[in-house]
Amino acid sequence: MSYCAIVKTSLAILWLGFQAPQVQAQAVGQALPPRQEGELDIHHINTGMGNATFMVLPDGTTFLVDAGALDPTEARTQSARNTKAKPSADRQPGEWIARYIRKVVQTPVVDYALITHFHDDHMGTPTSISKKSEQGNYALAGITEVAEFVTIRKIIDRGWPDYVYPRPVQDTMVRNYRTFLNWQVKSKNLRVEASIPGRNDQIVLLHDPQKYKALFEVRNISANGEIWTGVGTETRKHFPELKDLKPEQYPTENMCSIATRVSYGKFDYFTGGDTPGVVQPGVPVWHDVETPVAKVVGPVDVHILDHHGNRDSQNDVLLGALRPRVLVIPVWSSDHPGHDVLDRIYSQRIYQGDRDVFATDMLEANKLVIGEMLSRLKSDSGHVVVRVANGGGSYRVFVLDDRGEELTIKSIHGPYTSR
């Protein structure tokens, strides 16, 4: 064997030696390997009590979307209609979310937290068993509890600073949240902003922005019915002026949801809170917010279903425009997803091609009623982690066991090529 051949063989063996631990660590039954510099991680965390998506951006900047916490004392929450608390009911969802975050990042800091809208399954509601903050005069539930265990540097929502659109928000949940914000701003230097549709500079890379500047963007698509046009930062109003409506005709909380697109190279991800898109009989067409949103979002690789896949979401225009290869259903109720929603998701008439659908915690009731289509799911329980390769050219999906905190891999899917 020539000297060059020997060198090449030696280098190949050495390369395999470096690669072997990584391959082994990514096997089913092993813990999810740590994210590498340049990768984008999107963790759809299942607590059984509402939505929470935690992202680690390419340079290590962290971004939390929602921190839901239903009332565990309510009869419905305790019934077979709802999912059980995960990993257990020993802690409340906010603490479980914070512990998950501390597990996947070395520094327990959330650089950005986005509250898509003011519902308990997206932000947390105080209950009779909620603990009080050891520092501020507020209850710990959802986002307010996450902040008790990890530092949050900026919160973005749809109402700051006055919370009056479309009407003043006066419920206990939002009052508690505002007390939390006021204390955190004064005592912890928290920054709070209202989401401004059309902007792409409210959530930016903080640690090495120049390295990924040409590849990465978080674009605000819509909030409170104001929707990006796709041109610069221009927007247009989708809802009528309130002066032209009776109070009972005002936009609903779901319709005011913040929608966001995260882009990394050729990879795109869309999250729209509880944005509705299927208009009920006799309802004005402007109640469909998905259609105008979809027209500016365009094709994406991964989509977390609007409104948990409830029957008023995922209209044919949205699915035909987004054409997602991977869809994630954040389930906490037997209403998630609607049977007709699954029909549209899997329809080759709306858009052609393969699609892989993952659910965080599909209930037995859904399986009994919906039947065959749920057998097509790639996974029906567990945290769903999308790991996008350095540069955004491809991605994989890891399903993790949600019954413990070891982040044990249940299944691996992909790699998928980004569009």
Protein backbone atom coordinates (compact mmCIF):
# COMPACT_ATOMS: atom_id res chain seq x y z
CA MET A 1 0.00 0.00 0.00
CA SER A 2 1.34 3.44 -0.93
CA TYR A 3 2.06 6.11 1.65
CA CYS A 4 -0.87 8.21 0.34
CA ALA A 5 -3.24 5.25 0.59
CA ILE A 6 -2.11 4.60 4.16
CA VAL A 7 -2.70 8.26 5.08
CA LYS A 8 -6.17 8.25 3.48
CA THR A 9 -7.10 5.02 5.26
CA SER A 10 -5.88 6.39 8.59
CA LEU A 11 -7.81 9.61 8.12
CA ALA A 12 -10.96 7.68 7.20
CA ILE A 13 -10.67 5.55 10.35
CA LEU A 14 -10.06 8.66 12.43
CA TRP A 15 -13.09 10.38 10.85
CA LEU A 16 -15.28 7.38 11.59
CA GLY A 17 -14.01 7.38 15.13
CA PHE A 18 -15.11 10.97 15.57
CA GLN A 19 -18.46 10.27 13.97
CA ALA A 20 -19.31 7.05 15.81
CA PRO A 21 -20.26 8.58 19.17
CA GLN A 22 -22.57 11.06 17.45
CA VAL A 23 -24.31 8.32 15.45
CA GLN A 24 -24.66 6.15 18.54
CA ALA A 25 -26.03 9.05 20.57
CA GLN A 26 -28.74 9.60 17.99
CA ALA A 27 -30.13 6.09 18.27
CA VAL A 28 -33.58 5.20 19.57
CA GLY A 29 -33.37 4.61 23.31
CA GLN A 30 -30.53 7.10 23.76
CA ALA A 31 -30.85 10.65 25.06
CA LEU A 32 -31.17 13.41 22.48
CA PRO A 33 -27.61 14.55 21.73
CA PRO A 34 -26.79 18.19 22.47
CA ARG A 35 -27.46 20.69 19.74
CA GLN A 36 -24.35 21.74 17.80
CA GLU A 37 -23.39 25.32 16.91
CA GLY A 38 -25.21 26.42 13.77
CA GLU A 39 -28.17 24.07 14.24
CA LEU A 40 -31.71 25.33 14.82
CA ASP A 41 -33.69 23.33 17.37
CA ILE A 42 -37.48 23.58 17.68
CA HIS A 43 -38.81 21.71 20.74
CA HIS A 44 -42.57 21.18 20.89
CA ILE A 45 -42.85 20.44 24.61
CA ASN A 46 -45.73 18.27 25.81
CA THR A 47 -46.92 19.01 29.35
CA GLY A 48 -50.45 17.82 28.59
CA MET A 49 -51.70 21.22 29.70
CA GLY A 50 -51.24 23.54 26.74
CA ASN A 51 -48.78 24.79 24.13
CA ALA A 52 -45.07 25.46 24.65
CA THR A 53 -42.46 25.61 21.89
CA PHE A 54 -38.84 26.30 22.78
CA MET A 55 -36.32 27.18 20.07
CA VAL A 56 -32.56 27.40 20.20
CA LEU A 57 -31.52 29.54 17.25
CA PRO A 58 -28.34 28.95 15.20
CA ASP A 59 -26.08 31.10 17.39
CA GLY A 60 -27.59 29.93 20.69
CA THR A 61 -30.19 32.69 21.10
CA THR A 62 -33.26 31.22 22.83
CA PHE A 63 -36.91 31.79 21.93
CA LEU A 64 -40.01 30.48 23.74
CA VAL A 65 -43.43 30.57 22.06
CA ASP A 66 -46.23 30.25 24.63
CA ALA A 67 -46.26 28.54 28.02
CA GLY A 68 -49.72 27.08 28.51
CA ALA A 69 -51.09 25.93 31.85
CA LEU A 70 -54.71 24.83 32.17
CA ASP A 71 -56.44 24.73 35.55
CA PRO A 72 -55.75 21.21 36.90
CA THR A 73 -58.64 21.51 39.36
CA GLU A 74 -61.32 21.94 36.69
CA ALA A 75 -63.63 18.99 36.09
CA ARG A 76 -62.93 18.95 32.36
CA THR A 77 -59.15 18.97 32.86
CA GLN A 78 -59.54 15.93 35.12
CA SER A 79 -61.85 14.12 32.69
CA ALA A 80 -61.14 11.74 29.82
CA ARG A 81 -61.69 14.67 27.43
CA ASN A 82 -58.27 16.10 28.31
CA THR A 83 -54.75 14.76 28.30
CA LYS A 84 -52.96 13.94 31.53
CA ALA A 85 -50.19 16.10 32.93
CA LYS A 86 -46.73 15.14 31.68
CA PRO A 87 -44.32 13.99 32.99
CA SER A 88 -46.64 13.99 36.03
CA ALA A 89 -48.89 16.20 38.13
CA ASP A 90 -46.18 16.57 40.78
CA ARG A 91 -45.23 19.96 39.34
CA GLN A 92 -47.16 22.58 37.42
CA PRO A 93 -46.62 23.08 33.67
CA GLY A 94 -44.57 26.26 34.00
CA GLU A 95 -42.03 24.49 36.18
CA TRP A 96 -41.89 21.48 33.83
CA ILE A 97 -41.27 23.84 30.88
CA ALA A 98 -38.48 25.60 32.78
CA ARG A 99 -36.89 22.28 33.73
CA TYR A 100 -37.00 21.19 30.08
CA ILE A 101 -35.31 24.43 29.05
CA ARG A 102 -32.60 23.96 31.67
CA LYS A 103 -32.06 20.46 30.32
CA VAL A 104 -31.38 21.53 26.74
CA VAL A 105 -29.39 24.75 27.24
CA GLN A 106 -26.40 25.28 29.50
CA THR A 107 -27.39 28.83 30.46
CA PRO A 108 -31.00 28.94 31.74
CA VAL A 109 -31.97 32.11 29.88
CA VAL A 110 -34.90 32.77 27.56
CA ASP A 111 -33.86 35.67 25.36
CA TYR A 112 -37.34 36.05 23.86
CA ALA A 113 -40.75 34.81 24.99
CA LEU A 114 -43.73 35.29 22.69
CA ILE A 115 -47.30 34.97 23.97
CA THR A 116 -49.44 34.39 20.89
CA HIS A 117 -52.71 35.37 22.61
CA PHE A 118 -54.39 35.54 25.99
CA HIS A 119 -55.79 32.07 26.60
CA ASP A 120 -54.83 29.79 29.49
CA ASP A 121 -53.51 26.99 27.30
CA HIS A 122 -51.03 29.45 25.79
CA MET A 123 -50.02 31.61 28.77
CA GLY A 124 -51.27 29.94 31.97
CA THR A 125 -54.05 30.85 34.39
CA PRO A 126 -53.83 31.25 38.18
CA THR A 127 -55.73 28.56 40.07
CA SER A 128 -56.59 27.67 43.65
CA ILE A 129 -53.38 25.62 43.87
CA SER A 130 -51.04 28.14 42.21
CA LYS A 131 -48.06 29.12 44.30
CA LYS A 132 -47.23 32.77 44.89
CA SER A 133 -44.00 34.23 43.59
CA GLU A 134 -41.32 34.48 46.24
CA GLN A 135 -40.50 37.92 44.88
CA GLY A 136 -43.39 39.69 43.18
CA ASN A 137 -47.05 39.85 44.20
CA TYR A 138 -48.39 37.49 41.56
CA ALA A 139 -49.38 33.85 41.14
CA LEU A 140 -47.20 31.34 39.32
CA ALA A 141 -48.93 29.88 36.28
CA GLY A 142 -47.57 29.27 32.79
CA ILE A 143 -45.26 32.07 31.68
CA THR A 144 -45.14 33.66 35.15
CA GLU A 145 -43.93 30.35 36.58
CA VAL A 146 -41.35 29.78 33.84
CA ALA A 147 -39.80 33.11 34.85
CA GLU A 148 -39.47 31.89 38.43
CA PHE A 149 -36.91 29.29 37.32
CA VAL A 150 -35.21 30.81 34.26
CA THR A 151 -34.39 34.39 33.33
CA ILE A 152 -36.59 35.91 30.61
CA ARG A 153 -35.09 38.96 28.94
CA LYS A 154 -37.85 40.08 26.59
CA ILE A 155 -41.56 39.27 26.31
CA ILE A 156 -43.59 40.08 23.22
CA ASP A 157 -47.39 39.92 23.19
CA ARG A 158 -50.34 41.40 21.31
CA GLY A 159 -51.53 43.87 23.96
CA TRP A 160 -48.68 45.78 25.56
CA PRO A 161 -48.86 48.35 27.09
CA ASP A 162 -52.57 49.09 27.53
CA TYR A 163 -54.28 45.76 26.68
CA VAL A 164 -57.45 47.38 25.32
CA TYR A 165 -57.90 45.85 21.84
CA PRO A 166 -60.53 44.91 20.85
CA ARG A 167 -61.84 45.60 24.37
CA PRO A 168 -60.06 46.08 27.72
CA VAL A 169 -58.80 42.73 29.01
CA GLN A 170 -59.93 42.46 32.62
CA ASP A 171 -59.89 38.77 33.53
CA THR A 172 -57.89 37.40 36.46
CA MET A 173 -55.37 35.68 34.20
CA VAL A 174 -54.34 38.85 32.34
CA ARG A 175 -54.41 40.98 35.51
CA ASN A 176 -52.00 38.53 37.12
CA TYR A 177 -49.83 38.55 33.99
CA ARG A 178 -49.70 42.36 33.95
CA THR A 179 -48.73 42.44 37.62
CA PHE A 180 -45.95 40.01 36.75
CA LEU A 181 -44.78 42.17 33.84
CA ASN A 182 -44.75 45.35 35.89
CA TRP A 183 -42.70 43.74 38.66
CA GLN A 184 -40.27 42.08 36.25
CA VAL A 185 -39.75 45.34 34.33
CA LYS A 186 -38.95 47.26 37.53
CA SER A 187 -36.99 44.57 39.35
CA LYS A 188 -35.43 42.32 36.70
CA ASN A 189 -34.97 44.69 33.74
CA LEU A 190 -37.43 42.69 31.66
CA ARG A 191 -38.25 44.31 28.32
CA VAL A 192 -41.82 44.06 27.04
CA GLU A 193 -42.98 44.91 23.53
CA ALA A 194 -46.10 44.61 21.44
CA SER A 195 -45.67 42.46 18.34
CA ILE A 196 -45.49 44.71 15.29
CA PRO A 197 -46.63 42.88 12.13
CA GLY A 198 -44.29 43.12 9.17
CA ARG A 199 -41.18 43.61 11.28
CA ASN A 200 -38.21 41.23 11.22
CA ASP A 201 -36.12 42.99 13.86
CA GLN A 202 -38.00 42.28 17.09
CA ILE A 203 -36.52 38.79 17.43
CA VAL A 204 -32.93 38.68 16.21
CA LEU A 205 -29.79 36.67 16.82
CA LEU A 206 -27.92 38.03 19.82
CA HIS A 207 -24.69 36.03 20.15
CA ASP A 208 -23.17 35.86 16.66
CA PRO A 209 -25.64 37.64 14.36
CA GLN A 210 -23.18 38.43 11.56
CA LYS A 211 -22.36 34.77 11.04
CA TYR A 212 -25.96 33.89 10.16
CA LYS A 213 -27.36 37.30 9.15
CA ALA A 214 -27.89 36.36 5.52
CA LEU A 215 -29.57 33.07 6.43
CA PHE A 216 -31.79 33.66 9.46
CA GLU A 217 -34.97 35.67 10.03
CA VAL A 218 -37.97 35.78 12.34
CA ARG A 219 -40.76 37.63 10.54
CA ASN A 220 -43.88 38.93 12.30
CA ILE A 221 -46.78 37.99 10.05
CA SER A 222 -49.89 39.15 11.90
CA ALA A 223 -51.34 40.34 15.21
CA ASN A 224 -54.72 41.83 16.08
CA GLY A 225 -55.83 41.42 12.48
CA GLU A 226 -53.02 43.52 11.06
CA ILE A 227 -51.25 41.40 8.43
CA TRP A 228 -47.95 41.79 6.61
CA THR A 229 -48.34 42.35 2.87
CA GLY A 230 -45.09 40.63 1.95
CA VAL A 231 -43.57 43.93 0.77
CA GLY A 232 -40.95 45.47 3.05
CA THR A 233 -42.62 45.99 6.41
CA GLU A 234 -45.96 47.12 4.98
CA THR A 235 -49.17 45.81 6.53
CA ARG A 236 -52.89 46.06 5.99
CA LYS A 237 -55.86 45.90 8.34
CA HIS A 238 -57.94 42.75 7.92
CA PHE A 239 -60.61 43.52 10.51
CA PRO A 240 -63.22 46.28 10.15
CA GLU A 241 -62.88 49.35 12.35
CA LEU A 242 -64.36 48.71 15.79
CA LYS A 243 -66.58 51.79 15.44
CA ASP A 244 -68.38 49.98 12.63
CA LEU A 245 -69.11 46.91 14.77
CA LYS A 246 -71.28 46.12 17.75
CA PRO A 247 -69.31 44.83 20.77
CA GLU A 248 -70.65 41.31 20.24
CA GLN A 249 -69.23 41.44 16.69
CA TYR A 250 -65.68 42.31 17.75
CA PRO A 251 -62.83 39.99 16.73
CA THR A 252 -62.32 37.06 19.08
CA GLU A 253 -59.16 36.40 21.05
CA ASN A 254 -58.14 33.58 18.68
CA MET A 255 -58.55 35.86 15.67
CA CYS A 256 -56.11 38.33 17.25
CA SER A 257 -53.36 35.67 17.58
CA ILE A 258 -49.79 36.51 16.68
CA ALA A 259 -48.50 34.55 13.67
CA THR A 260 -44.77 34.15 13.00
CA ARG A 261 -42.48 32.63 10.36
CA VAL A 262 -38.99 31.45 11.26
CA SER A 263 -36.60 31.07 8.30
CA TYR A 264 -33.11 29.58 8.20
CA GLY A 265 -31.54 29.18 4.77
CA LYS A 266 -34.00 27.12 2.73
CA PHE A 267 -35.89 26.02 5.86
CA ASP A 268 -39.14 27.68 6.98
CA TYR A 269 -41.37 27.12 10.02
CA PHE A 270 -44.78 28.66 10.70
CA THR A 271 -46.62 29.09 13.99
CA GLY A 272 -49.94 30.92 14.19
CA GLY A 273 -51.29 30.46 17.71
CA ASP A 274 -55.04 29.83 17.49
CA THR A 275 -55.57 31.66 14.17
CA PRO A 276 -58.90 30.49 12.65
CA GLY A 277 -59.62 29.91 8.99
CA VAL A 278 -62.91 28.03 8.56
CA VAL A 279 -65.85 30.41 8.58
CA GLN A 280 -69.08 29.19 10.13
CA PRO A 281 -72.43 29.82 8.37
CA GLY A 282 -73.64 33.38 8.77
CA VAL A 283 -70.26 34.69 9.94
CA PRO A 284 -68.47 37.51 8.05
CA VAL A 285 -65.64 36.37 5.77
CA TRP A 286 -63.11 38.48 7.70
CA HIS A 287 -63.35 35.90 10.48
CA ASP A 288 -61.10 33.81 8.22
CA VAL A 289 -57.63 35.03 9.17
CA GLU A 290 -55.70 32.01 7.83
CA THR A 291 -56.32 32.86 4.18
CA PRO A 292 -54.69 36.32 4.10
CA VAL A 293 -51.91 35.11 6.40
CA ALA A 294 -51.17 32.08 4.20
CA LYS A 295 -50.80 34.21 1.08
CA VAL A 296 -47.79 36.04 2.53
CA VAL A 297 -46.21 33.14 4.44
CA GLY A 298 -45.81 30.90 1.39
CA PRO A 299 -44.39 27.36 1.41
CA VAL A 300 -42.88 26.07 4.65
CA ASP A 301 -41.19 22.87 5.74
CA VAL A 302 -42.75 22.51 9.19
CA HIS A 303 -46.07 23.83 10.51
CA ILE A 304 -47.47 23.54 14.03
CA LEU A 305 -51.21 23.40 13.47
CA ASP A 306 -53.27 26.51 14.17
CA HIS A 307 -55.67 26.13 17.11
CA HIS A 308 -54.40 22.60 17.86
CA GLY A 309 -56.07 21.37 14.68
CA ASN A 310 -59.52 22.33 15.94
CA ARG A 311 -62.29 22.19 13.35
CA ASP A 312 -62.11 25.93 12.58
CA SER A 313 -58.48 25.75 11.41
CA GLN A 314 -56.24 24.53 8.58
CA ASN A 315 -58.42 25.67 5.72
CA ASP A 316 -57.59 24.57 2.20
CA VAL A 317 -56.00 27.91 1.26
CA LEU A 318 -53.60 27.74 4.20
CA LEU A 319 -52.58 24.15 3.50
CA GLY A 320 -52.32 24.76 -0.24
CA ALA A 321 -50.07 27.78 0.31
CA LEU A 322 -47.88 26.35 3.08
CA ARG A 323 -47.67 22.78 1.70
CA PRO A 324 -45.81 21.59 4.82
CA ARG A 325 -43.76 18.42 4.67
CA VAL A 326 -44.01 18.00 8.46
CA LEU A 327 -46.99 18.96 10.62
CA VAL A 328 -47.13 18.99 14.41
CA ILE A 329 -50.43 18.71 16.30
CA PRO A 330 -50.23 20.11 19.85
CA VAL A 331 -52.96 18.07 21.53
CA TRP A 332 -54.55 18.54 24.96
CA SER A 333 -58.23 17.86 24.22
CA SER A 334 -60.41 15.32 22.44
CA ASP A 335 -61.31 18.20 20.09
CA HIS A 336 -57.75 18.09 18.74
CA PRO A 337 -57.71 17.51 15.83
CA GLY A 338 -61.04 17.69 14.04
CA HIS A 339 -61.81 14.79 11.71
CA ASP A 340 -62.33 17.18 8.79
CA VAL A 341 -59.01 18.86 9.58
CA LEU A 342 -57.22 15.53 9.16
CA ASP A 343 -59.08 15.04 5.87
CA ARG A 344 -57.64 18.31 4.62
CA ILE A 345 -54.16 17.66 5.97
CA TYR A 346 -53.84 14.35 4.15
CA SER A 347 -55.70 15.46 1.01
CA GLN A 348 -53.65 15.12 -2.17
CA ARG A 349 -56.17 17.40 -3.87
CA ILE A 350 -55.13 20.38 -1.73
CA TYR A 351 -51.44 19.75 -2.28
CA GLN A 352 -49.56 16.77 -3.59
CA GLY A 353 -46.65 15.01 -2.00
CA ASP A 354 -45.67 13.20 1.16
CA ARG A 355 -46.35 14.63 4.58
CA ASP A 356 -45.45 13.36 8.03
CA VAL A 357 -47.75 14.26 10.92
CA PHE A 358 -46.75 14.11 14.58
CA ALA A 359 -49.07 14.55 17.58
CA THR A 360 -47.86 15.38 21.07
CA ASP A 361 -50.46 13.30 22.93
CA MET A 362 -53.34 11.78 20.98
CA LEU A 363 -56.25 10.75 23.19
CA GLU A 364 -57.89 7.34 23.04
CA ALA A 365 -61.24 9.09 22.42
CA ASN A 366 -59.87 10.54 19.18
CA LYS A 367 -58.57 7.16 18.07
CA LEU A 368 -61.95 5.55 18.65
CA VAL A 369 -63.93 8.24 16.82
CA ILE A 370 -61.56 9.18 13.97
CA GLY A 371 -60.10 5.75 13.39
CA GLU A 372 -57.97 4.93 10.35
CA MET A 373 -56.50 8.36 9.63
CA LEU A 374 -54.87 8.51 13.03
CA SER A 375 -53.02 5.31 12.22
CA ARG A 376 -51.13 7.34 9.63
CA LEU A 377 -49.49 9.49 12.31
CA LYS A 378 -45.75 9.08 12.51
CA SER A 379 -46.06 9.47 16.27
CA ASP A 380 -49.04 9.97 18.57
CA SER A 381 -47.25 10.96 21.80
CA GLY A 382 -44.10 12.67 23.02
CA HIS A 383 -42.13 15.87 22.66
CA VAL A 384 -41.54 16.63 18.98
CA VAL A 385 -38.12 18.11 18.23
CA VAL A 386 -37.20 19.50 14.83
CA ARG A 387 -33.43 19.79 14.43
CA VAL A 388 -32.37 21.86 11.41
CA ALA A 389 -28.83 21.32 10.09
CA ASN A 390 -26.23 24.08 10.05
CA GLY A 391 -27.16 26.38 7.17
CA GLY A 392 -30.78 25.18 7.02
CA GLY A 393 -30.42 22.75 4.11
CA SER A 394 -31.99 19.75 5.86
CA TYR A 395 -33.70 18.75 9.09
CA ARG A 396 -34.73 15.74 11.13
CA VAL A 397 -37.52 15.07 13.60
CA PHE A 398 -36.89 13.40 16.95
CA VAL A 399 -39.80 12.19 19.08
CA LEU A 400 -38.85 12.11 22.77
CA ASP A 401 -40.41 10.21 25.65
CA ASP A 402 -42.47 12.70 27.68
CA ARG A 403 -42.94 10.42 30.70
CA GLY A 404 -39.61 11.47 32.20
CA GLU A 405 -36.95 14.13 31.89
CA GLU A 406 -34.21 12.09 30.23
CA LEU A 407 -35.12 13.29 26.69
CA THR A 408 -34.99 9.68 25.53
CA ILE A 409 -35.44 9.25 21.78
CA LYS A 410 -38.51 7.20 20.81
CA SER A 411 -38.13 7.58 17.04
CA ILE A 412 -36.09 9.43 14.42
CA HIS A 413 -37.44 10.71 11.12
CA GLY A 414 -35.66 12.16 8.12
CA PRO A 415 -33.41 13.66 7.08
CA TYR A 416 -35.74 15.84 5.06
CA THR A 417 -34.43 18.24 2.44
CA SER A 418 -35.46 21.85 3.07
CA ARG A 419 -37.30 23.64 0.29
